[in-house]
Amino acid sequence: MRLVSFNLNGIRSAATKGLQSWVESAAIDCMGVQEIKAQAADVEPRFSEIAGLRGHFHYAEKKGYSGVGLYTRQLPQQLITGIGSAEFDAEGRWVEARYDRPGRKLSIISCYFPSGSSGEDRQQAKFRFLDLIYPHLLALKAEREFILVGDVNIAHREIDLKNWKGNLKNSGFLPEERAWMTKLLSEAGLIDVYRSLYPEAGDEAYTWWSNRGQARAKNVGWRIDYHLATPGVAALARSASIYKDQWFSDHAPLTVDYELDL
């Protein structure tokens, strides 16, 4: 199974830059997208299907904001949107496809964590989201295997961003955020799939670049897009890649191949 995580920074914008052609050529089986910045009327019918992949979405109530989707080749047995929080479900941050068969329960999830970079109010919202999503993921892990793909908006370690010293007090690399990620990967036992495959990867692992200061040209980037998986399914990951030959967004798509059938 070839599974992609991709923050589109607007599905309509990404489409004008060749998104659909790339998906057709990339032999993708499932793709989690974030920040679609569109509502149902914008998506249907133009983006309801891409390259034979059927889209399933969780839209934000606010127009032109947030929103997530899962494009799947195999239809799920069950689709779940939201995490049971009025505040964050209104922002369209979670869509989960369940693929169950005898002896196996598996979820594929697309999730968009809040950014705190626009101000203290949003940073506090981000902390509230982290407090909510942690026990939600623990409860899910107790029931089933899963792979969560998405923009987590946290660079975990110094190796995960270019200018780590200059960002120690900035959202996305705050000590509290990094400690939350460490707790998720240690106490909760989830696996950072890309890092498990390439533990020493540095600037080649970046998935997001600011639009300021020629960050992309200079590769002043951050690794904030992830595949986070339960150990059993994480062990089935065979290879990963970050596609940078074309630019559809301020993020690059992160692809992982798993020895897994839906």
C-alpha atoms as a PDB file:
ATOM      1  CA  MET A   1       0.000   0.000   0.000  1.00  0.00           C
ATOM      2  CA  ARG A   2       1.351   3.387  -1.015  1.00  0.00           C
ATOM      3  CA  LEU A   3       0.098   5.970   1.487  1.00  0.00           C
ATOM      4  CA  VAL A   4       0.670   9.720   1.132  1.00  0.00           C
ATOM      5  CA  SER A   5       0.318  12.613   3.552  1.00  0.00           C
ATOM      6  CA  PHE A   6      -0.008  16.029   1.958  1.00  0.00           C
ATOM      7  CA  ASN A   7      -0.990  19.461   3.277  1.00  0.00           C
ATOM      8  CA  LEU A   8      -2.409  21.029   0.119  1.00  0.00           C
ATOM      9  CA  ASN A   9      -2.688  24.609   1.411  1.00  0.00           C
ATOM     10  CA  GLY A  10      -5.894  24.782  -0.598  1.00  0.00           C
ATOM     11  CA  ILE A  11      -7.135  21.984  -2.836  1.00  0.00           C
ATOM     12  CA  ARG A  12      -8.191  24.380  -5.576  1.00  0.00           C
ATOM     13  CA  SER A  13      -4.796  26.075  -5.552  1.00  0.00           C
ATOM     14  CA  ALA A  14      -2.928  22.754  -5.630  1.00  0.00           C
ATOM     15  CA  ALA A  15      -5.075  21.591  -8.548  1.00  0.00           C
ATOM     16  CA  THR A  16      -3.969  24.559 -10.662  1.00  0.00           C
ATOM     17  CA  LYS A  17      -0.350  23.470 -10.113  1.00  0.00           C
ATOM     18  CA  GLY A  18      -0.743  19.908 -11.368  1.00  0.00           C
ATOM     19  CA  LEU A  19      -1.862  17.949  -8.311  1.00  0.00           C
ATOM     20  CA  GLN A  20      -4.135  15.579 -10.194  1.00  0.00           C
ATOM     21  CA  SER A  21      -1.541  14.682 -12.815  1.00  0.00           C
ATOM     22  CA  TRP A  22       0.974  13.877 -10.106  1.00  0.00           C
ATOM     23  CA  VAL A  23      -1.485  11.662  -8.217  1.00  0.00           C
ATOM     24  CA  GLU A  24      -2.226   9.790 -11.449  1.00  0.00           C
ATOM     25  CA  SER A  25       1.483   9.157 -12.051  1.00  0.00           C
ATOM     26  CA  ALA A  26       2.454   8.260  -8.484  1.00  0.00           C
ATOM     27  CA  ALA A  27       0.552   4.933  -8.163  1.00  0.00           C
ATOM     28  CA  ILE A  28      -1.021   5.996  -4.868  1.00  0.00           C
ATOM     29  CA  ASP A  29      -3.420   3.698  -3.017  1.00  0.00           C
ATOM     30  CA  CYS A  30      -4.458   6.140  -0.303  1.00  0.00           C
ATOM     31  CA  MET A  31      -3.770   9.830   0.326  1.00  0.00           C
ATOM     32  CA  GLY A  32      -4.532  11.882   3.407  1.00  0.00           C
ATOM     33  CA  VAL A  33      -4.818  15.591   2.647  1.00  0.00           C
ATOM     34  CA  GLN A  34      -4.979  18.521   5.022  1.00  0.00           C
ATOM     35  CA  GLU A  35      -5.890  22.190   4.805  1.00  0.00           C
ATOM     36  CA  ILE A  36      -8.174  21.697   1.828  1.00  0.00           C
ATOM     37  CA  LYS A  37      -9.657  25.163   2.502  1.00  0.00           C
ATOM     38  CA  ALA A  38     -12.932  24.268   0.804  1.00  0.00           C
ATOM     39  CA  GLN A  39     -16.487  23.182   1.527  1.00  0.00           C
ATOM     40  CA  ALA A  40     -18.633  20.477  -0.046  1.00  0.00           C
ATOM     41  CA  ALA A  41     -19.929  22.790  -2.756  1.00  0.00           C
ATOM     42  CA  ASP A  42     -16.351  23.518  -3.833  1.00  0.00           C
ATOM     43  CA  VAL A  43     -15.227  19.890  -3.771  1.00  0.00           C
ATOM     44  CA  GLU A  44     -18.205  18.161  -5.404  1.00  0.00           C
ATOM     45  CA  PRO A  45     -17.965  17.038  -8.107  1.00  0.00           C
ATOM     46  CA  ARG A  46     -14.589  18.399  -9.205  1.00  0.00           C
ATOM     47  CA  PHE A  47     -12.456  16.853  -6.454  1.00  0.00           C
ATOM     48  CA  SER A  48     -14.679  14.063  -5.186  1.00  0.00           C
ATOM     49  CA  GLU A  49     -12.470  11.631  -7.075  1.00  0.00           C
ATOM     50  CA  ILE A  50      -8.836  11.924  -8.198  1.00  0.00           C
ATOM     51  CA  ALA A  51      -7.092   9.272 -10.305  1.00  0.00           C
ATOM     52  CA  GLY A  52      -9.566   6.588  -9.275  1.00  0.00           C
ATOM     53  CA  LEU A  53      -9.299   7.459  -5.581  1.00  0.00           C
ATOM     54  CA  ARG A  54     -12.544   8.353  -3.852  1.00  0.00           C
ATOM     55  CA  GLY A  55     -12.480  11.318  -1.487  1.00  0.00           C
ATOM     56  CA  HIS A  56     -13.924  11.356   2.032  1.00  0.00           C
ATOM     57  CA  PHE A  57     -13.874  14.720   3.800  1.00  0.00           C
ATOM     58  CA  HIS A  58     -14.286  16.564   7.076  1.00  0.00           C
ATOM     59  CA  TYR A  59     -14.972  20.191   6.256  1.00  0.00           C
ATOM     60  CA  ALA A  60     -14.471  23.192   8.496  1.00  0.00           C
ATOM     61  CA  GLU A  61     -17.515  25.334   9.177  1.00  0.00           C
ATOM     62  CA  LYS A  62     -15.520  28.455   8.354  1.00  0.00           C
ATOM     63  CA  LYS A  63     -15.126  28.986   4.626  1.00  0.00           C
ATOM     64  CA  GLY A  64     -11.633  28.796   3.168  1.00  0.00           C
ATOM     65  CA  TYR A  65     -10.189  27.314   6.347  1.00  0.00           C
ATOM     66  CA  SER A  66      -8.675  24.006   7.472  1.00  0.00           C
ATOM     67  CA  GLY A  67     -10.489  20.813   6.431  1.00  0.00           C
ATOM     68  CA  VAL A  68      -9.112  17.326   5.840  1.00  0.00           C
ATOM     69  CA  GLY A  69      -9.709  14.487   3.423  1.00  0.00           C
ATOM     70  CA  LEU A  70      -8.825  10.882   2.677  1.00  0.00           C
ATOM     71  CA  TYR A  71      -8.594   9.640  -0.888  1.00  0.00           C
ATOM     72  CA  THR A  72      -8.871   5.847  -0.966  1.00  0.00           C
ATOM     73  CA  ARG A  73      -8.876   3.215  -3.685  1.00  0.00           C
ATOM     74  CA  GLN A  74     -10.711   0.763  -1.427  1.00  0.00           C
ATOM     75  CA  LEU A  75     -13.944   1.956   0.142  1.00  0.00           C
ATOM     76  CA  PRO A  76     -13.846   1.744   3.946  1.00  0.00           C
ATOM     77  CA  GLN A  77     -16.364  -0.213   5.987  1.00  0.00           C
ATOM     78  CA  GLN A  78     -16.807   2.801   8.249  1.00  0.00           C
ATOM     79  CA  LEU A  79     -15.980   6.499   8.064  1.00  0.00           C
ATOM     80  CA  ILE A  80     -15.583   8.690  11.146  1.00  0.00           C
ATOM     81  CA  THR A  81     -15.223  12.476  11.201  1.00  0.00           C
ATOM     82  CA  GLY A  82     -14.173  14.423  14.245  1.00  0.00           C
ATOM     83  CA  ILE A  83     -12.873  13.511  17.688  1.00  0.00           C
ATOM     84  CA  GLY A  84     -15.927  14.450  19.734  1.00  0.00           C
ATOM     85  CA  SER A  85     -14.842  18.030  20.459  1.00  0.00           C
ATOM     86  CA  ALA A  86     -17.221  20.820  19.448  1.00  0.00           C
ATOM     87  CA  GLU A  87     -14.352  23.300  19.240  1.00  0.00           C
ATOM     88  CA  PHE A  88     -12.095  21.294  16.958  1.00  0.00           C
ATOM     89  CA  ASP A  89     -14.667  19.294  15.036  1.00  0.00           C
ATOM     90  CA  ALA A  90     -16.014  22.635  13.781  1.00  0.00           C
ATOM     91  CA  GLU A  91     -12.570  23.197  12.254  1.00  0.00           C
ATOM     92  CA  GLY A  92     -12.538  19.960  10.222  1.00  0.00           C
ATOM     93  CA  ARG A  93      -9.422  18.251  11.602  1.00  0.00           C
ATOM     94  CA  TRP A  94     -10.044  14.462  11.615  1.00  0.00           C
ATOM     95  CA  VAL A  95     -11.287  11.928   9.089  1.00  0.00           C
ATOM     96  CA  GLU A  96     -10.819   8.208   9.772  1.00  0.00           C
ATOM     97  CA  ALA A  97     -11.428   5.290   7.426  1.00  0.00           C
ATOM     98  CA  ARG A  98     -11.818   1.858   9.021  1.00  0.00           C
ATOM     99  CA  TYR A  99     -10.825  -1.338   7.242  1.00  0.00           C
ATOM    100  CA  ASP A 100     -11.693  -4.360   9.338  1.00  0.00           C
ATOM    101  CA  ARG A 101     -11.348  -8.031   8.506  1.00  0.00           C
ATOM    102  CA  PRO A 102     -11.219 -11.171  10.665  1.00  0.00           C
ATOM    103  CA  GLY A 103      -8.255 -10.892  12.999  1.00  0.00           C
ATOM    104  CA  ARG A 104      -7.441  -7.297  12.097  1.00  0.00           C
ATOM    105  CA  LYS A 105      -8.853  -3.866  12.816  1.00  0.00           C
ATOM    106  CA  LEU A 106      -7.135  -1.047  10.931  1.00  0.00           C
ATOM    107  CA  SER A 107      -7.759   2.688  10.621  1.00  0.00           C
ATOM    108  CA  ILE A 108      -6.223   5.167   8.196  1.00  0.00           C
ATOM    109  CA  ILE A 109      -6.549   8.727   9.498  1.00  0.00           C
ATOM    110  CA  SER A 110      -5.925  12.164   8.034  1.00  0.00           C
ATOM    111  CA  CYS A 111      -5.450  14.779  10.756  1.00  0.00           C
ATOM    112  CA  TYR A 112      -4.526  18.449  10.752  1.00  0.00           C
ATOM    113  CA  PHE A 113      -3.141  19.735  14.045  1.00  0.00           C
ATOM    114  CA  PRO A 114      -3.686  23.442  14.776  1.00  0.00           C
ATOM    115  CA  SER A 115      -0.936  25.957  14.181  1.00  0.00           C
ATOM    116  CA  GLY A 116      -0.083  28.396  16.944  1.00  0.00           C
ATOM    117  CA  SER A 117       2.005  30.725  14.819  1.00  0.00           C
ATOM    118  CA  SER A 118      -0.636  33.423  14.368  1.00  0.00           C
ATOM    119  CA  GLY A 119      -0.783  34.420  18.028  1.00  0.00           C
ATOM    120  CA  GLU A 120      -1.201  33.383  21.643  1.00  0.00           C
ATOM    121  CA  ASP A 121      -4.905  32.592  21.274  1.00  0.00           C
ATOM    122  CA  ARG A 122      -4.187  30.002  18.607  1.00  0.00           C
ATOM    123  CA  GLN A 123      -1.224  28.632  20.563  1.00  0.00           C
ATOM    124  CA  GLN A 124      -3.504  28.017  23.519  1.00  0.00           C
ATOM    125  CA  ALA A 125      -5.982  26.330  21.161  1.00  0.00           C
ATOM    126  CA  LYS A 126      -3.140  24.142  19.942  1.00  0.00           C
ATOM    127  CA  PHE A 127      -2.312  23.115  23.511  1.00  0.00           C
ATOM    128  CA  ARG A 128      -5.994  22.279  24.111  1.00  0.00           C
ATOM    129  CA  PHE A 129      -5.989  20.129  20.978  1.00  0.00           C
ATOM    130  CA  LEU A 130      -2.853  18.277  22.112  1.00  0.00           C
ATOM    131  CA  ASP A 131      -4.476  17.636  25.492  1.00  0.00           C
ATOM    132  CA  LEU A 132      -7.550  16.182  23.765  1.00  0.00           C
ATOM    133  CA  ILE A 133      -5.901  14.182  20.999  1.00  0.00           C
ATOM    134  CA  TYR A 134      -3.441  12.327  23.248  1.00  0.00           C
ATOM    135  CA  PRO A 135      -6.047  10.274  25.184  1.00  0.00           C
ATOM    136  CA  HIS A 136      -8.056   9.899  21.973  1.00  0.00           C
ATOM    137  CA  LEU A 137      -5.076   8.240  20.281  1.00  0.00           C
ATOM    138  CA  LEU A 138      -4.386   6.088  23.346  1.00  0.00           C
ATOM    139  CA  ALA A 139      -7.963   4.812  23.353  1.00  0.00           C
ATOM    140  CA  LEU A 140      -7.827   4.107  19.626  1.00  0.00           C
ATOM    141  CA  LYS A 141      -4.515   2.257  20.004  1.00  0.00           C
ATOM    142  CA  ALA A 142      -6.102   0.021  22.633  1.00  0.00           C
ATOM    143  CA  GLU A 143      -8.762  -1.029  20.120  1.00  0.00           C
ATOM    144  CA  ARG A 144      -7.059  -1.198  16.734  1.00  0.00           C
ATOM    145  CA  GLU A 145      -3.994  -0.661  14.577  1.00  0.00           C
ATOM    146  CA  PHE A 146      -3.839   2.689  12.816  1.00  0.00           C
ATOM    147  CA  ILE A 147      -1.746   4.973  10.679  1.00  0.00           C
ATOM    148  CA  LEU A 148      -2.335   8.671  11.236  1.00  0.00           C
ATOM    149  CA  VAL A 149      -0.996  10.882   8.476  1.00  0.00           C
ATOM    150  CA  GLY A 150      -1.001  14.614   8.672  1.00  0.00           C
ATOM    151  CA  ASP A 151       0.457  18.005   9.376  1.00  0.00           C
ATOM    152  CA  VAL A 152       1.249  17.875  13.085  1.00  0.00           C
ATOM    153  CA  ASN A 153       2.771  21.379  13.134  1.00  0.00           C
ATOM    154  CA  ILE A 154       5.548  20.211  15.462  1.00  0.00           C
ATOM    155  CA  ALA A 155       9.211  19.644  14.623  1.00  0.00           C
ATOM    156  CA  HIS A 156      10.234  17.079  17.206  1.00  0.00           C
ATOM    157  CA  ARG A 157      14.019  17.298  17.359  1.00  0.00           C
ATOM    158  CA  GLU A 158      16.800  19.671  16.382  1.00  0.00           C
ATOM    159  CA  ILE A 159      17.480  17.538  13.305  1.00  0.00           C
ATOM    160  CA  ASP A 160      13.925  18.263  12.125  1.00  0.00           C
ATOM    161  CA  LEU A 161      14.404  21.905  11.185  1.00  0.00           C
ATOM    162  CA  LYS A 162      17.155  24.049   9.755  1.00  0.00           C
ATOM    163  CA  ASN A 163      17.255  26.962  12.171  1.00  0.00           C
ATOM    164  CA  TRP A 164      16.475  25.224  15.445  1.00  0.00           C
ATOM    165  CA  LYS A 165      18.341  27.693  17.663  1.00  0.00           C
ATOM    166  CA  GLY A 166      16.367  30.596  16.250  1.00  0.00           C
ATOM    167  CA  ASN A 167      13.039  28.814  16.780  1.00  0.00           C
ATOM    168  CA  LEU A 168      13.308  27.684  20.390  1.00  0.00           C
ATOM    169  CA  LYS A 169      10.628  30.198  21.401  1.00  0.00           C
ATOM    170  CA  ASN A 170       8.455  29.835  18.312  1.00  0.00           C
ATOM    171  CA  SER A 171       5.323  27.777  17.805  1.00  0.00           C
ATOM    172  CA  GLY A 172       6.121  24.432  16.284  1.00  0.00           C
ATOM    173  CA  PHE A 173       9.342  23.999  18.248  1.00  0.00           C
ATOM    174  CA  LEU A 174       8.318  25.028  21.753  1.00  0.00           C
ATOM    175  CA  PRO A 175       9.581  22.825  24.597  1.00  0.00           C
ATOM    176  CA  GLU A 176       6.012  21.900  25.568  1.00  0.00           C
ATOM    177  CA  GLU A 177       5.185  20.792  22.011  1.00  0.00           C
ATOM    178  CA  ARG A 178       8.352  18.760  21.650  1.00  0.00           C
ATOM    179  CA  ALA A 179       7.769  17.138  25.065  1.00  0.00           C
ATOM    180  CA  TRP A 180       4.250  16.190  23.940  1.00  0.00           C
ATOM    181  CA  MET A 181       5.691  14.496  20.857  1.00  0.00           C
ATOM    182  CA  THR A 182       8.295  12.670  22.932  1.00  0.00           C
ATOM    183  CA  LYS A 183       5.539  11.425  25.246  1.00  0.00           C
ATOM    184  CA  LEU A 184       3.487  10.238  22.255  1.00  0.00           C
ATOM    185  CA  LEU A 185       6.428   8.266  20.874  1.00  0.00           C
ATOM    186  CA  SER A 186       7.668   6.883  24.187  1.00  0.00           C
ATOM    187  CA  GLU A 187       4.897   6.480  26.757  1.00  0.00           C
ATOM    188  CA  ALA A 188       2.059   6.078  24.234  1.00  0.00           C
ATOM    189  CA  GLY A 189       4.235   3.884  22.036  1.00  0.00           C
ATOM    190  CA  LEU A 190       3.388   5.301  18.616  1.00  0.00           C
ATOM    191  CA  ILE A 191       6.004   5.171  15.864  1.00  0.00           C
ATOM    192  CA  ASP A 192       7.274   8.083  13.762  1.00  0.00           C
ATOM    193  CA  VAL A 193       7.451   5.958  10.617  1.00  0.00           C
ATOM    194  CA  TYR A 194       9.718   8.164   8.519  1.00  0.00           C
ATOM    195  CA  ARG A 195      12.207   8.573  11.362  1.00  0.00           C
ATOM    196  CA  SER A 196      12.153   4.840  12.066  1.00  0.00           C
ATOM    197  CA  LEU A 197      13.177   4.210   8.453  1.00  0.00           C
ATOM    198  CA  TYR A 198      15.718   7.049   8.237  1.00  0.00           C
ATOM    199  CA  PRO A 199      16.913   7.890  11.755  1.00  0.00           C
ATOM    200  CA  GLU A 200      19.704  10.228  10.641  1.00  0.00           C
ATOM    201  CA  ALA A 201      17.947  12.048   7.767  1.00  0.00           C
ATOM    202  CA  GLY A 202      18.489  15.798   8.069  1.00  0.00           C
ATOM    203  CA  ASP A 203      17.655  18.545   5.607  1.00  0.00           C
ATOM    204  CA  GLU A 204      16.454  16.018   3.026  1.00  0.00           C
ATOM    205  CA  ALA A 205      13.596  15.194   5.431  1.00  0.00           C
ATOM    206  CA  TYR A 206      11.974  18.638   5.485  1.00  0.00           C
ATOM    207  CA  THR A 207       8.337  18.789   4.376  1.00  0.00           C
ATOM    208  CA  TRP A 208       7.439  22.476   4.850  1.00  0.00           C
ATOM    209  CA  TRP A 209       9.075  25.792   3.958  1.00  0.00           C
ATOM    210  CA  SER A 210       8.021  29.326   4.792  1.00  0.00           C
ATOM    211  CA  ASN A 211       7.060  31.567   1.895  1.00  0.00           C
ATOM    212  CA  ARG A 212       9.401  34.207   3.314  1.00  0.00           C
ATOM    213  CA  GLY A 213      13.088  34.861   2.773  1.00  0.00           C
ATOM    214  CA  GLN A 214      13.684  32.359  -0.032  1.00  0.00           C
ATOM    215  CA  ALA A 215      13.279  29.556   2.502  1.00  0.00           C
ATOM    216  CA  ARG A 216      12.538  26.957  -0.146  1.00  0.00           C
ATOM    217  CA  ALA A 217      15.412  27.978  -2.411  1.00  0.00           C
ATOM    218  CA  LYS A 218      17.780  27.823   0.560  1.00  0.00           C
ATOM    219  CA  ASN A 219      16.108  24.685   1.988  1.00  0.00           C
ATOM    220  CA  VAL A 220      15.398  26.386   5.310  1.00  0.00           C
ATOM    221  CA  GLY A 221      12.681  23.914   6.136  1.00  0.00           C
ATOM    222  CA  TRP A 222      10.871  21.976   8.833  1.00  0.00           C
ATOM    223  CA  ARG A 223       9.785  18.334   9.135  1.00  0.00           C
ATOM    224  CA  ILE A 224       6.238  18.715  10.446  1.00  0.00           C
ATOM    225  CA  ASP A 225       4.317  16.200   8.304  1.00  0.00           C
ATOM    226  CA  TYR A 226       4.190  12.664   9.677  1.00  0.00           C
ATOM    227  CA  HIS A 227       3.036   9.097   9.450  1.00  0.00           C
ATOM    228  CA  LEU A 228       2.341   8.119  13.075  1.00  0.00           C
ATOM    229  CA  ALA A 229       1.482   4.446  13.465  1.00  0.00           C
ATOM    230  CA  THR A 230       0.899   1.719  15.987  1.00  0.00           C
ATOM    231  CA  PRO A 231       3.910  -0.617  16.212  1.00  0.00           C
ATOM    232  CA  GLY A 232       2.429  -3.577  14.367  1.00  0.00           C
ATOM    233  CA  VAL A 233       1.573  -1.691  11.212  1.00  0.00           C
ATOM    234  CA  ALA A 234       4.632   0.585  11.470  1.00  0.00           C
ATOM    235  CA  ALA A 235       6.784  -2.538  11.187  1.00  0.00           C
ATOM    236  CA  LEU A 236       5.311  -3.086   7.716  1.00  0.00           C
ATOM    237  CA  ALA A 237       6.771   0.179   6.357  1.00  0.00           C
ATOM    238  CA  ARG A 238       9.392  -0.531   3.723  1.00  0.00           C
ATOM    239  CA  SER A 239      10.438   2.830   2.254  1.00  0.00           C
ATOM    240  CA  ALA A 240       9.555   6.519   2.274  1.00  0.00           C
ATOM    241  CA  SER A 241      10.094   9.526   0.037  1.00  0.00           C
ATOM    242  CA  ILE A 242       9.382  13.247  -0.053  1.00  0.00           C
ATOM    243  CA  TYR A 243       8.446  14.548  -3.499  1.00  0.00           C
ATOM    244  CA  LYS A 244      10.104  17.858  -4.391  1.00  0.00           C
ATOM    245  CA  ASP A 245      10.315  17.777  -8.194  1.00  0.00           C
ATOM    246  CA  GLN A 246       7.147  19.884  -8.430  1.00  0.00           C
ATOM    247  CA  TRP A 247       5.586  22.314  -5.983  1.00  0.00           C
ATOM    248  CA  PHE A 248       1.843  22.185  -5.389  1.00  0.00           C
ATOM    249  CA  SER A 249       1.884  23.743  -1.915  1.00  0.00           C
ATOM    250  CA  ASP A 250       4.216  25.146   0.753  1.00  0.00           C
ATOM    251  CA  HIS A 251       4.405  21.508   1.901  1.00  0.00           C
ATOM    252  CA  ALA A 252       5.790  18.504   0.031  1.00  0.00           C
ATOM    253  CA  PRO A 253       3.939  15.173  -0.104  1.00  0.00           C
ATOM    254  CA  LEU A 254       5.332  12.456   2.158  1.00  0.00           C
ATOM    255  CA  THR A 255       4.925   8.930   0.780  1.00  0.00           C
ATOM    256  CA  VAL A 256       5.437   5.656   2.641  1.00  0.00           C
ATOM    257  CA  ASP A 257       5.132   2.180   1.115  1.00  0.00           C
ATOM    258  CA  TYR A 258       3.737  -0.474   3.453  1.00  0.00           C
ATOM    259  CA  GLU A 259       3.617  -4.233   2.978  1.00  0.00           C
ATOM    260  CA  LEU A 260      -0.066  -4.105   3.687  1.00  0.00           C
ATOM    261  CA  ASP A 261      -3.402  -4.642   1.961  1.00  0.00           C
ATOM    262  CA  LEU A 262      -6.549  -2.770   2.857  1.00  0.00           C
END
